[in-house]
């Protein structure tokens, strides 16, 4: 069963992804984000990216403020509170 992720959805990392990276018991596994947009196969979240200002100039950020926010591969996300085959 797969569920499409849409702008406005609350999402979290899948169990499969967390296990594959050794983060199953980590703080990342409890985080929930709201999707604010997409860039190709990446979801833009409402969490500020800690290092965005190290990677982009002020001019780049002014031109595209989405650069300031964390992006997560859609394949590693599930809709919060809904069962997913990606948790198995």
N, C-alpha and C. Protein backbone atom coordinates (compact mmCIF):
# COMPACT_ATOMS: atom_id res chain seq x y z
N UNK A 1 0.84 -1.18 0.00
CA UNK A 1 0.00 0.00 0.00
C UNK A 1 0.89 1.25 0.00
N UNK A 2 0.72 2.12 -0.96
CA UNK A 2 1.46 3.37 -0.98
C UNK A 2 0.48 4.53 -0.94
N UNK A 3 0.85 5.56 -0.25
CA UNK A 3 0.03 6.75 -0.14
C UNK A 3 0.81 7.90 -0.74
N UNK A 4 0.19 8.64 -1.62
CA UNK A 4 0.83 9.82 -2.19
C UNK A 4 0.97 10.87 -1.11
N UNK A 5 2.07 11.57 -1.15
CA UNK A 5 2.31 12.67 -0.22
C UNK A 5 2.00 13.97 -0.94
N UNK A 6 1.27 14.85 -0.25
CA UNK A 6 0.85 16.11 -0.85
C UNK A 6 1.28 17.28 0.04
N UNK A 7 1.30 18.45 -0.55
CA UNK A 7 1.59 19.66 0.21
C UNK A 7 0.56 19.77 1.34
N UNK A 8 1.05 20.06 2.54
CA UNK A 8 0.20 20.17 3.71
C UNK A 8 0.14 18.91 4.55
N UNK A 9 0.58 17.78 4.00
CA UNK A 9 0.58 16.53 4.77
C UNK A 9 1.61 16.58 5.88
N UNK A 10 1.29 15.96 6.99
CA UNK A 10 2.25 15.73 8.07
C UNK A 10 2.94 14.42 7.72
N UNK A 11 4.26 14.39 7.77
CA UNK A 11 5.03 13.21 7.38
C UNK A 11 6.10 12.89 8.41
N UNK A 12 6.58 11.65 8.33
CA UNK A 12 7.71 11.23 9.15
C UNK A 12 8.51 10.21 8.36
N UNK A 13 9.74 9.95 8.82
CA UNK A 13 10.58 8.97 8.15
C UNK A 13 10.00 7.58 8.33
N UNK A 14 10.18 6.75 7.32
CA UNK A 14 9.67 5.38 7.39
C UNK A 14 10.55 4.52 8.29
N UNK A 15 9.94 3.48 8.84
CA UNK A 15 10.69 2.53 9.66
C UNK A 15 11.80 1.87 8.87
N UNK A 16 11.53 1.54 7.61
CA UNK A 16 12.53 0.90 6.76
C UNK A 16 13.77 1.79 6.62
N UNK A 17 13.56 3.07 6.36
CA UNK A 17 14.69 3.99 6.22
C UNK A 17 15.45 4.12 7.55
N UNK A 18 14.72 4.28 8.65
CA UNK A 18 15.36 4.44 9.94
C UNK A 18 16.19 3.22 10.32
N UNK A 19 15.68 2.02 10.03
CA UNK A 19 16.45 0.80 10.31
C UNK A 19 17.69 0.72 9.43
N UNK A 20 17.54 1.10 8.17
CA UNK A 20 18.68 0.98 7.24
C UNK A 20 19.82 1.94 7.59
N UNK A 21 19.50 3.00 8.31
CA UNK A 21 20.52 3.98 8.68
C UNK A 21 20.90 3.89 10.16
N UNK A 22 20.34 2.91 10.87
CA UNK A 22 20.66 2.74 12.29
C UNK A 22 20.05 3.79 13.18
N UNK A 23 18.95 4.41 12.75
CA UNK A 23 18.34 5.50 13.52
C UNK A 23 16.99 5.13 14.13
N UNK A 24 16.66 3.85 14.18
CA UNK A 24 15.32 3.44 14.59
C UNK A 24 14.94 3.98 15.97
N UNK A 25 15.88 4.10 16.87
CA UNK A 25 15.58 4.60 18.21
C UNK A 25 16.00 6.06 18.39
N UNK A 26 16.27 6.74 17.30
CA UNK A 26 16.80 8.11 17.39
C UNK A 26 15.68 9.15 17.45
N UNK A 27 16.10 10.36 17.68
CA UNK A 27 15.19 11.51 17.70
C UNK A 27 14.56 11.72 16.32
N UNK A 28 15.30 11.42 15.26
CA UNK A 28 14.78 11.58 13.89
C UNK A 28 13.53 10.74 13.68
N UNK A 29 13.46 9.58 14.30
CA UNK A 29 12.32 8.69 14.14
C UNK A 29 11.04 9.22 14.76
N UNK A 30 11.17 10.19 15.65
CA UNK A 30 9.98 10.77 16.30
C UNK A 30 9.57 12.10 15.69
N UNK A 31 10.39 12.65 14.81
CA UNK A 31 10.07 13.96 14.22
C UNK A 31 8.91 13.85 13.23
N UNK A 32 8.13 14.89 13.18
CA UNK A 32 7.03 15.00 12.23
C UNK A 32 7.16 16.36 11.57
N UNK A 33 7.09 16.37 10.24
CA UNK A 33 7.20 17.60 9.48
C UNK A 33 5.93 17.84 8.67
N UNK A 34 5.74 19.07 8.25
CA UNK A 34 4.68 19.42 7.30
C UNK A 34 5.35 19.67 5.96
N UNK A 35 4.80 19.06 4.91
CA UNK A 35 5.34 19.26 3.56
C UNK A 35 4.85 20.60 3.04
N UNK A 36 5.81 21.43 2.60
CA UNK A 36 5.46 22.76 2.09
C UNK A 36 5.65 22.87 0.58
N UNK A 37 6.28 21.86 -0.03
CA UNK A 37 6.50 21.88 -1.48
C UNK A 37 7.36 20.69 -1.89
N UNK A 38 7.69 20.67 -3.17
CA UNK A 38 8.51 19.59 -3.71
C UNK A 38 9.53 20.16 -4.69
N UNK A 39 10.68 19.51 -4.74
CA UNK A 39 11.70 19.77 -5.75
C UNK A 39 12.08 18.39 -6.28
N UNK A 40 11.64 18.10 -7.50
CA UNK A 40 11.84 16.78 -8.10
C UNK A 40 11.32 15.71 -7.15
N UNK A 41 12.15 14.78 -6.68
CA UNK A 41 11.67 13.71 -5.80
C UNK A 41 11.96 14.00 -4.33
N UNK A 42 12.12 15.25 -4.00
CA UNK A 42 12.38 15.67 -2.63
C UNK A 42 11.21 16.49 -2.09
N UNK A 43 10.83 16.22 -0.84
CA UNK A 43 9.80 17.00 -0.17
C UNK A 43 10.50 18.12 0.60
N UNK A 44 9.96 19.32 0.49
CA UNK A 44 10.47 20.44 1.27
C UNK A 44 9.65 20.47 2.55
N UNK A 45 10.33 20.50 3.70
CA UNK A 45 9.64 20.47 4.98
C UNK A 45 9.61 21.86 5.61
N UNK A 46 8.94 21.94 6.75
CA UNK A 46 8.86 23.19 7.48
C UNK A 46 10.00 23.36 8.49
N UNK A 47 10.99 22.47 8.45
CA UNK A 47 12.15 22.56 9.35
C UNK A 47 13.29 23.30 8.65
N UNK A 48 13.82 24.31 9.32
CA UNK A 48 14.97 25.02 8.75
C UNK A 48 16.16 24.08 8.68
N UNK A 49 16.88 24.14 7.57
CA UNK A 49 18.09 23.33 7.39
C UNK A 49 19.21 24.00 8.17
N UNK A 50 19.83 23.28 9.05
CA UNK A 50 20.84 23.84 9.94
C UNK A 50 22.00 24.48 9.19
N UNK A 51 22.38 23.92 8.05
CA UNK A 51 23.57 24.40 7.35
C UNK A 51 23.29 25.13 6.04
N UNK A 52 22.05 25.51 5.80
CA UNK A 52 21.68 26.13 4.52
C UNK A 52 22.51 27.38 4.23
N UNK A 53 22.76 28.18 5.24
CA UNK A 53 23.50 29.43 5.01
C UNK A 53 24.97 29.18 4.72
N UNK A 54 25.45 27.96 5.00
CA UNK A 54 26.83 27.59 4.66
C UNK A 54 26.94 27.21 3.19
N UNK A 55 25.83 26.77 2.60
CA UNK A 55 25.84 26.26 1.23
C UNK A 55 25.39 27.29 0.20
N UNK A 56 24.56 28.25 0.62
CA UNK A 56 23.97 29.19 -0.33
C UNK A 56 24.28 30.63 0.05
N UNK A 57 24.40 31.48 -0.96
CA UNK A 57 24.65 32.90 -0.71
C UNK A 57 23.34 33.59 -0.34
N UNK A 58 23.46 34.77 0.23
CA UNK A 58 22.27 35.55 0.58
C UNK A 58 21.44 35.84 -0.66
N UNK A 59 22.09 36.05 -1.79
CA UNK A 59 21.37 36.34 -3.04
C UNK A 59 20.57 35.11 -3.49
N UNK A 60 21.19 33.93 -3.38
CA UNK A 60 20.49 32.70 -3.76
C UNK A 60 19.27 32.46 -2.87
N UNK A 61 19.44 32.70 -1.58
CA UNK A 61 18.34 32.51 -0.64
C UNK A 61 17.23 33.53 -0.89
N UNK A 62 17.61 34.76 -1.20
CA UNK A 62 16.60 35.78 -1.50
C UNK A 62 15.80 35.40 -2.74
N UNK A 63 16.46 34.81 -3.72
CA UNK A 63 15.80 34.41 -4.96
C UNK A 63 14.92 33.17 -4.76
N UNK A 64 15.29 32.29 -3.83
CA UNK A 64 14.53 31.06 -3.59
C UNK A 64 14.59 30.71 -2.10
N UNK A 65 13.69 31.27 -1.30
CA UNK A 65 13.71 31.04 0.15
C UNK A 65 13.55 29.56 0.54
N UNK A 66 13.08 28.71 -0.37
CA UNK A 66 12.95 27.28 -0.07
C UNK A 66 14.30 26.66 0.24
N UNK A 67 15.38 27.30 -0.20
CA UNK A 67 16.72 26.77 0.07
C UNK A 67 17.03 26.69 1.56
N UNK A 68 16.33 27.47 2.37
CA UNK A 68 16.57 27.48 3.80
C UNK A 68 15.99 26.27 4.52
N UNK A 69 15.13 25.51 3.85
CA UNK A 69 14.39 24.44 4.52
C UNK A 69 14.90 23.06 4.18
N UNK A 70 14.74 22.16 5.14
CA UNK A 70 15.18 20.77 4.99
C UNK A 70 14.38 20.06 3.90
N UNK A 71 15.09 19.31 3.09
CA UNK A 71 14.47 18.50 2.04
C UNK A 71 14.76 17.04 2.33
N UNK A 72 13.74 16.20 2.15
CA UNK A 72 13.88 14.77 2.42
C UNK A 72 13.33 14.01 1.23
N UNK A 73 14.04 12.97 0.81
CA UNK A 73 13.57 12.16 -0.31
C UNK A 73 12.19 11.59 0.00
N UNK A 74 11.27 11.79 -0.93
CA UNK A 74 9.89 11.32 -0.75
C UNK A 74 9.86 9.81 -0.49
N UNK A 75 10.77 9.07 -1.10
CA UNK A 75 10.81 7.61 -0.92
C UNK A 75 11.06 7.21 0.53
N UNK A 76 11.60 8.12 1.34
CA UNK A 76 11.91 7.82 2.73
C UNK A 76 10.86 8.36 3.70
N UNK A 77 9.74 8.83 3.16
CA UNK A 77 8.69 9.43 3.99
C UNK A 77 7.40 8.65 3.91
N UNK A 78 6.62 8.77 4.98
CA UNK A 78 5.25 8.26 4.98
C UNK A 78 4.37 9.32 5.63
N UNK A 79 3.08 9.27 5.32
CA UNK A 79 2.14 10.19 5.93
C UNK A 79 2.02 9.81 7.40
N UNK A 80 2.15 10.79 8.25
CA UNK A 80 2.12 10.58 9.71
C UNK A 80 0.81 9.95 10.13
N UNK A 81 0.92 8.88 10.92
CA UNK A 81 -0.26 8.23 11.47
C UNK A 81 -0.91 7.20 10.56
N UNK A 82 -0.40 7.04 9.35
CA UNK A 82 -0.98 6.06 8.43
C UNK A 82 0.00 4.91 8.25
N UNK A 83 -0.51 3.68 8.27
CA UNK A 83 0.38 2.53 8.04
C UNK A 83 0.97 2.59 6.64
N UNK A 84 2.16 2.09 6.49
CA UNK A 84 2.83 2.10 5.21
C UNK A 84 3.59 0.80 5.00
N UNK A 85 3.60 0.32 3.78
CA UNK A 85 4.41 -0.86 3.47
C UNK A 85 5.90 -0.57 3.63
N UNK A 86 6.25 0.72 3.65
CA UNK A 86 7.65 1.12 3.81
C UNK A 86 8.11 1.00 5.27
N UNK A 87 7.20 0.61 6.16
CA UNK A 87 7.58 0.42 7.56
C UNK A 87 8.03 -1.01 7.82
N UNK A 88 7.71 -1.90 6.92
CA UNK A 88 8.02 -3.33 7.12
C UNK A 88 9.50 -3.60 7.02
